[in-house]
Amino acid sequence: MLPNPRLPVPTLPNPKLLPPRLPAPTLMLPTLPAPRLNSPTLAKPRFTPPTLPKAKALPMSRCCSSAMAASMI
């Protein structure tokens, strides 16, 4: 009788700690594809220049544009 109520007590804080950790990455993932699908033209210039140099940004933008065109079609 005593060990039973003691088990659910530690199990409750565990799932409580997990949800806040999951929504953090889950929110970051949907936020990235969301702006790309909604406004690909605005999302590309904002993310590509700071992440990659100009030389790499050009081919990447072309690849992204082709990929976006294929996905849109």
PDB file of N, CA and C in Angstrom:
ATOM      1  N   MET A   1       0.841  -1.207   0.000  1.00  0.00           N
ATOM      2  CA  MET A   1       0.000   0.000   0.000  1.00  0.00           C
ATOM      3  C   MET A   1       0.877   1.258   0.000  1.00  0.00           C
ATOM      4  N   LEU A   2       1.940   1.251   0.787  1.00  0.00           N
ATOM      5  CA  LEU A   2       2.796   2.449   0.863  1.00  0.00           C
ATOM      6  C   LEU A   2       3.614   2.657  -0.425  1.00  0.00           C
ATOM      7  N   PRO A   3       4.280   1.617  -0.946  1.00  0.00           N
ATOM      8  CA  PRO A   3       5.106   1.826  -2.153  1.00  0.00           C
ATOM      9  C   PRO A   3       4.268   2.211  -3.375  1.00  0.00           C
ATOM     10  N   ASN A   4       3.008   1.800  -3.412  1.00  0.00           N
ATOM     11  CA  ASN A   4       2.168   2.140  -4.566  1.00  0.00           C
ATOM     12  C   ASN A   4       1.965   3.657  -4.701  1.00  0.00           C
ATOM     13  N   PRO A   5       1.492   4.337  -3.657  1.00  0.00           N
ATOM     14  CA  PRO A   5       1.294   5.795  -3.768  1.00  0.00           C
ATOM     15  C   PRO A   5       2.615   6.528  -3.970  1.00  0.00           C
ATOM     16  N   ARG A   6       3.713   5.935  -3.531  1.00  0.00           N
ATOM     17  CA  ARG A   6       5.015   6.591  -3.694  1.00  0.00           C
ATOM     18  C   ARG A   6       5.471   6.536  -5.152  1.00  0.00           C
ATOM     19  N   LEU A   7       5.088   5.496  -5.874  1.00  0.00           N
ATOM     20  CA  LEU A   7       5.512   5.376  -7.277  1.00  0.00           C
ATOM     21  C   LEU A   7       4.861   6.451  -8.152  1.00  0.00           C
ATOM     22  N   PRO A   8       3.537   6.637  -8.100  1.00  0.00           N
ATOM     23  CA  PRO A   8       2.900   7.645  -8.961  1.00  0.00           C
ATOM     24  C   PRO A   8       3.390   9.058  -8.678  1.00  0.00           C
ATOM     25  N   VAL A   9       3.845   9.311  -7.454  1.00  0.00           N
ATOM     26  CA  VAL A   9       4.333  10.663  -7.121  1.00  0.00           C
ATOM     27  C   VAL A   9       5.565  11.022  -7.963  1.00  0.00           C
ATOM     28  N   PRO A  10       6.614  10.176  -7.991  1.00  0.00           N
ATOM     29  CA  PRO A  10       7.788  10.504  -8.813  1.00  0.00           C
ATOM     30  C   PRO A  10       7.490  10.425 -10.311  1.00  0.00           C
ATOM     31  N   THR A  11       6.515   9.613 -10.703  1.00  0.00           N
ATOM     32  CA  THR A  11       6.206   9.483 -12.130  1.00  0.00           C
ATOM     33  C   THR A  11       5.513  10.740 -12.652  1.00  0.00           C
ATOM     34  N   LEU A  12       4.790  11.461 -11.789  1.00  0.00           N
ATOM     35  CA  LEU A  12       4.100  12.676 -12.245  1.00  0.00           C
ATOM     36  C   LEU A  12       5.086  13.778 -12.642  1.00  0.00           C
ATOM     37  N   PRO A  13       6.072  14.103 -11.804  1.00  0.00           N
ATOM     38  CA  PRO A  13       7.017  15.162 -12.182  1.00  0.00           C
ATOM     39  C   PRO A  13       7.805  14.817 -13.443  1.00  0.00           C
ATOM     40  N   ASN A  14       8.045  13.539 -13.698  1.00  0.00           N
ATOM     41  CA  ASN A  14       8.790  13.157 -14.901  1.00  0.00           C
ATOM     42  C   ASN A  14       8.060  13.601 -16.177  1.00  0.00           C
ATOM     43  N   PRO A  15       6.791  13.208 -16.379  1.00  0.00           N
ATOM     44  CA  PRO A  15       6.064  13.655 -17.580  1.00  0.00           C
ATOM     45  C   PRO A  15       5.890  15.163 -17.607  1.00  0.00           C
ATOM     46  N   LYS A  16       5.816  15.788 -16.421  1.00  0.00           N
ATOM     47  CA  LYS A  16       5.671  17.251 -16.386  1.00  0.00           C
ATOM     48  C   LYS A  16       6.939  17.925 -16.909  1.00  0.00           C
ATOM     49  N   LEU A  17       8.093  17.329 -16.636  1.00  0.00           N
ATOM     50  CA  LEU A  17       9.355  17.912 -17.107  1.00  0.00           C
ATOM     51  C   LEU A  17       9.546  17.640 -18.599  1.00  0.00           C
ATOM     52  N   LEU A  18       9.020  16.532 -19.087  1.00  0.00           N
ATOM     53  CA  LEU A  18       9.192  16.192 -20.501  1.00  0.00           C
ATOM     54  C   LEU A  18       8.394  17.124 -21.425  1.00  0.00           C
ATOM     55  N   PRO A  19       7.101  17.374 -21.177  1.00  0.00           N
ATOM     56  CA  PRO A  19       6.318  18.233 -22.079  1.00  0.00           C
ATOM     57  C   PRO A  19       6.974  19.573 -22.377  1.00  0.00           C
ATOM     58  N   PRO A  20       7.470  20.316 -21.373  1.00  0.00           N
ATOM     59  CA  PRO A  20       8.111  21.600 -21.674  1.00  0.00           C
ATOM     60  C   PRO A  20       9.332  21.435 -22.572  1.00  0.00           C
ATOM     61  N   ARG A  21      10.024  20.303 -22.461  1.00  0.00           N
ATOM     62  CA  ARG A  21      11.193  20.078 -23.313  1.00  0.00           C
ATOM     63  C   ARG A  21      10.757  19.750 -24.737  1.00  0.00           C
ATOM     64  N   LEU A  22       9.670  19.010 -24.892  1.00  0.00           N
ATOM     65  CA  LEU A  22       9.212  18.647 -26.235  1.00  0.00           C
ATOM     66  C   LEU A  22       8.670  19.856 -27.003  1.00  0.00           C
ATOM     67  N   PRO A  23       7.766  20.645 -26.426  1.00  0.00           N
ATOM     68  CA  PRO A  23       7.208  21.790 -27.157  1.00  0.00           C
ATOM     69  C   PRO A  23       8.272  22.766 -27.623  1.00  0.00           C
ATOM     70  N   ALA A  24       9.371  22.883 -26.887  1.00  0.00           N
ATOM     71  CA  ALA A  24      10.429  23.809 -27.303  1.00  0.00           C
ATOM     72  C   ALA A  24      10.943  23.445 -28.703  1.00  0.00           C
ATOM     73  N   PRO A  25      11.440  22.217 -28.939  1.00  0.00           N
ATOM     74  CA  PRO A  25      11.893  21.842 -30.284  1.00  0.00           C
ATOM     75  C   PRO A  25      10.738  21.757 -31.278  1.00  0.00           C
ATOM     76  N   THR A  26       9.574  21.304 -30.823  1.00  0.00           N
ATOM     77  CA  THR A  26       8.438  21.175 -31.738  1.00  0.00           C
ATOM     78  C   THR A  26       8.013  22.546 -32.245  1.00  0.00           C
ATOM     79  N   LEU A  27       8.081  23.563 -31.369  1.00  0.00           N
ATOM     80  CA  LEU A  27       7.707  24.912 -31.800  1.00  0.00           C
ATOM     81  C   LEU A  27       8.748  25.458 -32.773  1.00  0.00           C
ATOM     82  N   MET A  28      10.007  25.161 -32.535  1.00  0.00           N
ATOM     83  CA  MET A  28      11.067  25.666 -33.410  1.00  0.00           C
ATOM     84  C   MET A  28      10.968  25.024 -34.796  1.00  0.00           C
ATOM     85  N   LEU A  29      10.632  23.736 -34.851  1.00  0.00           N
ATOM     86  CA  LEU A  29      10.562  23.062 -36.146  1.00  0.00           C
ATOM     87  C   LEU A  29       9.430  23.620 -37.014  1.00  0.00           C
ATOM     88  N   PRO A  30       8.190  23.676 -36.518  1.00  0.00           N
ATOM     89  CA  PRO A  30       7.094  24.190 -37.356  1.00  0.00           C
ATOM     90  C   PRO A  30       7.272  25.656 -37.723  1.00  0.00           C
ATOM     91  N   THR A  31       7.941  26.427 -36.885  1.00  0.00           N
ATOM     92  CA  THR A  31       8.113  27.850 -37.176  1.00  0.00           C
ATOM     93  C   THR A  31       9.011  28.033 -38.399  1.00  0.00           C
ATOM     94  N   LEU A  32       9.981  27.143 -38.589  1.00  0.00           N
ATOM     95  CA  LEU A  32      10.880  27.295 -39.736  1.00  0.00           C
ATOM     96  C   LEU A  32      10.155  26.983 -41.054  1.00  0.00           C
ATOM     97  N   PRO A  33       9.507  25.813 -41.194  1.00  0.00           N
ATOM     98  CA  PRO A  33       8.813  25.508 -42.454  1.00  0.00           C
ATOM     99  C   PRO A  33       7.609  26.404 -42.688  1.00  0.00           C
ATOM    100  N   ALA A  34       6.962  26.872 -41.623  1.00  0.00           N
ATOM    101  CA  ALA A  34       5.764  27.702 -41.781  1.00  0.00           C
ATOM    102  C   ALA A  34       6.065  28.963 -42.593  1.00  0.00           C
ATOM    103  N   PRO A  35       7.044  29.792 -42.193  1.00  0.00           N
ATOM    104  CA  PRO A  35       7.329  31.009 -42.960  1.00  0.00           C
ATOM    105  C   PRO A  35       7.802  30.689 -44.375  1.00  0.00           C
ATOM    106  N   ARG A  36       8.480  29.560 -44.550  1.00  0.00           N
ATOM    107  CA  ARG A  36       8.963  29.204 -45.887  1.00  0.00           C
ATOM    108  C   ARG A  36       7.784  28.914 -46.814  1.00  0.00           C
ATOM    109  N   LEU A  37       6.767  28.224 -46.291  1.00  0.00           N
ATOM    110  CA  LEU A  37       5.613  27.901 -47.128  1.00  0.00           C
ATOM    111  C   LEU A  37       4.733  29.135 -47.323  1.00  0.00           C
ATOM    112  N   ASN A  38       4.551  29.903 -46.244  1.00  0.00           N
ATOM    113  CA  ASN A  38       3.690  31.085 -46.344  1.00  0.00           C
ATOM    114  C   ASN A  38       4.347  32.178 -47.183  1.00  0.00           C
ATOM    115  N   SER A  39       5.603  32.517 -46.844  1.00  0.00           N
ATOM    116  CA  SER A  39       6.299  33.576 -47.586  1.00  0.00           C
ATOM    117  C   SER A  39       7.724  33.121 -47.898  1.00  0.00           C
ATOM    118  N   PRO A  40       7.896  32.281 -48.906  1.00  0.00           N
ATOM    119  CA  PRO A  40       9.246  31.777 -49.236  1.00  0.00           C
ATOM    120  C   PRO A  40      10.183  32.908 -49.643  1.00  0.00           C
ATOM    121  N   THR A  41       9.665  33.920 -50.341  1.00  0.00           N
ATOM    122  CA  THR A  41      10.523  35.016 -50.812  1.00  0.00           C
ATOM    123  C   THR A  41      11.081  35.790 -49.624  1.00  0.00           C
ATOM    124  N   LEU A  42      10.281  35.968 -48.562  1.00  0.00           N
ATOM    125  CA  LEU A  42      10.746  36.730 -47.400  1.00  0.00           C
ATOM    126  C   LEU A  42      11.653  35.873 -46.526  1.00  0.00           C
ATOM    127  N   ALA A  43      11.338  34.588 -46.406  1.00  0.00           N
ATOM    128  CA  ALA A  43      12.112  33.726 -45.512  1.00  0.00           C
ATOM    129  C   ALA A  43      13.503  33.442 -46.096  1.00  0.00           C
ATOM    130  N   LYS A  44      13.608  33.265 -47.410  1.00  0.00           N
ATOM    131  CA  LYS A  44      14.902  32.920 -48.018  1.00  0.00           C
ATOM    132  C   LYS A  44      15.955  34.009 -47.786  1.00  0.00           C
ATOM    133  N   PRO A  45      15.731  35.252 -48.194  1.00  0.00           N
ATOM    134  CA  PRO A  45      16.772  36.284 -48.037  1.00  0.00           C
ATOM    135  C   PRO A  45      17.138  36.524 -46.576  1.00  0.00           C
ATOM    136  N   ARG A  46      16.189  36.325 -45.666  1.00  0.00           N
ATOM    137  CA  ARG A  46      16.476  36.579 -44.254  1.00  0.00           C
ATOM    138  C   ARG A  46      17.355  35.486 -43.670  1.00  0.00           C
ATOM    139  N   PHE A  47      17.086  34.209 -44.010  1.00  0.00           N
ATOM    140  CA  PHE A  47      17.828  33.109 -43.400  1.00  0.00           C
ATOM    141  C   PHE A  47      19.125  32.811 -44.155  1.00  0.00           C
ATOM    142  N   THR A  48      19.124  32.878 -45.483  1.00  0.00           N
ATOM    143  CA  THR A  48      20.301  32.475 -46.258  1.00  0.00           C
ATOM    144  C   THR A  48      21.498  33.402 -46.046  1.00  0.00           C
ATOM    145  N   PRO A  49      21.367  34.723 -46.137  1.00  0.00           N
ATOM    146  CA  PRO A  49      22.552  35.585 -46.016  1.00  0.00           C
ATOM    147  C   PRO A  49      23.301  35.410 -44.688  1.00  0.00           C
ATOM    148  N   PRO A  50      22.620  35.434 -43.537  1.00  0.00           N
ATOM    149  CA  PRO A  50      23.342  35.315 -42.267  1.00  0.00           C
ATOM    150  C   PRO A  50      23.925  33.923 -42.051  1.00  0.00           C
ATOM    151  N   THR A  51      23.240  32.879 -42.519  1.00  0.00           N
ATOM    152  CA  THR A  51      23.708  31.517 -42.266  1.00  0.00           C
ATOM    153  C   THR A  51      24.849  31.150 -43.209  1.00  0.00           C
ATOM    154  N   LEU A  52      24.772  31.571 -44.472  1.00  0.00           N
ATOM    155  CA  LEU A  52      25.796  31.199 -45.446  1.00  0.00           C
ATOM    156  C   LEU A  52      26.369  32.452 -46.098  1.00  0.00           C
ATOM    157  N   PRO A  53      27.636  32.386 -46.540  1.00  0.00           N
ATOM    158  CA  PRO A  53      28.235  33.530 -47.243  1.00  0.00           C
ATOM    159  C   PRO A  53      27.547  33.777 -48.577  1.00  0.00           C
ATOM    160  N   LYS A  54      27.848  34.910 -49.211  1.00  0.00           N
ATOM    161  CA  LYS A  54      27.179  35.270 -50.468  1.00  0.00           C
ATOM    162  C   LYS A  54      27.444  34.224 -51.550  1.00  0.00           C
ATOM    163  N   ALA A  55      28.667  33.730 -51.631  1.00  0.00           N
ATOM    164  CA  ALA A  55      29.014  32.758 -52.672  1.00  0.00           C
ATOM    165  C   ALA A  55      28.145  31.504 -52.541  1.00  0.00           C
ATOM    166  N   LYS A  56      27.957  31.044 -51.285  1.00  0.00           N
ATOM    167  CA  LYS A  56      27.155  29.839 -51.069  1.00  0.00           C
ATOM    168  C   LYS A  56      25.664  30.165 -51.079  1.00  0.00           C
ATOM    169  N   ALA A  57      25.322  31.396 -50.767  1.00  0.00           N
ATOM    170  CA  ALA A  57      23.911  31.772 -50.699  1.00  0.00           C
ATOM    171  C   ALA A  57      23.279  31.711 -52.092  1.00  0.00           C
ATOM    172  N   LEU A  58      24.058  32.035 -53.120  1.00  0.00           N
ATOM    173  CA  LEU A  58      23.496  32.040 -54.477  1.00  0.00           C
ATOM    174  C   LEU A  58      23.072  30.635 -54.908  1.00  0.00           C
ATOM    175  N   PRO A  59      23.969  29.632 -54.877  1.00  0.00           N
ATOM    176  CA  PRO A  59      23.554  28.283 -55.286  1.00  0.00           C
ATOM    177  C   PRO A  59      22.481  27.708 -54.374  1.00  0.00           C
ATOM    178  N   MET A  60      22.579  27.991 -53.071  1.00  0.00           N
ATOM    179  CA  MET A  60      21.581  27.480 -52.141  1.00  0.00           C
ATOM    180  C   MET A  60      20.213  28.076 -52.454  1.00  0.00           C
ATOM    181  N   SER A  61      20.180  29.373 -52.758  1.00  0.00           N
ATOM    182  CA  SER A  61      18.904  30.017 -53.060  1.00  0.00           C
ATOM    183  C   SER A  61      18.306  29.395 -54.324  1.00  0.00           C
ATOM    184  N   ARG A  62      19.161  29.102 -55.302  1.00  0.00           N
ATOM    185  CA  ARG A  62      18.660  28.478 -56.532  1.00  0.00           C
ATOM    186  C   ARG A  62      18.100  27.092 -56.239  1.00  0.00           C
ATOM    187  N   CYS A  63      18.837  26.329 -55.429  1.00  0.00           N
ATOM    188  CA  CYS A  63      18.364  24.988 -55.074  1.00  0.00           C
ATOM    189  C   CYS A  63      17.049  25.091 -54.296  1.00  0.00           C
ATOM    190  N   CYS A  64      17.004  26.025 -53.376  1.00  0.00           N
ATOM    191  CA  CYS A  64      15.788  26.186 -52.577  1.00  0.00           C
ATOM    192  C   CYS A  64      14.625  26.598 -53.474  1.00  0.00           C
ATOM    193  N   SER A  65      14.904  27.503 -54.407  1.00  0.00           N
ATOM    194  CA  SER A  65      13.839  27.967 -55.298  1.00  0.00           C
ATOM    195  C   SER A  65      13.314  26.801 -56.133  1.00  0.00           C
ATOM    196  N   SER A  66      14.235  25.970 -56.648  1.00  0.00           N
ATOM    197  CA  SER A  66      13.806  24.821 -57.446  1.00  0.00           C
ATOM    198  C   SER A  66      13.033  23.838 -56.572  1.00  0.00           C
ATOM    199  N   ALA A  67      13.532  23.619 -55.353  1.00  0.00           N
ATOM    200  CA  ALA A  67      12.846  22.704 -54.432  1.00  0.00           C
ATOM    201  C   ALA A  67      11.468  23.256 -54.073  1.00  0.00           C
ATOM    202  N   MET A  68      11.404  24.552 -53.796  1.00  0.00           N
ATOM    203  CA  MET A  68      10.125  25.173 -53.457  1.00  0.00           C
ATOM    204  C   MET A  68       9.180  25.090 -54.656  1.00  0.00           C
ATOM    205  N   ALA A  69       9.696  25.338 -55.854  1.00  0.00           N
ATOM    206  CA  ALA A  69       8.856  25.268 -57.052  1.00  0.00           C
ATOM    207  C   ALA A  69       8.304  23.849 -57.210  1.00  0.00           C
ATOM    208  N   ALA A  70       9.166  22.859 -57.018  1.00  0.00           N
ATOM    209  CA  ALA A  70       8.726  21.467 -57.139  1.00  0.00           C
ATOM    210  C   ALA A  70       7.680  21.148 -56.068  1.00  0.00           C
ATOM    211  N   SER A  71       7.914  21.626 -54.847  1.00  0.00           N
ATOM    212  CA  SER A  71       6.969  21.348 -53.762  1.00  0.00           C
ATOM    213  C   SER A  71       5.643  22.074 -54.021  1.00  0.00           C
ATOM    214  N   MET A  72       5.722  23.302 -54.519  1.00  0.00           N
ATOM    215  CA  MET A  72       4.501  24.057 -54.806  1.00  0.00           C
ATOM    216  C   MET A  72       3.711  23.379 -55.918  1.00  0.00           C
ATOM    217  N   ILE A  73       4.422  22.860 -56.926  1.00  0.00           N
ATOM    218  CA  ILE A  73       3.727  22.193 -58.040  1.00  0.00           C
ATOM    219  C   ILE A  73       3.206  20.850 -57.548  1.00  0.00           C
TER     220      ILE A  73
END
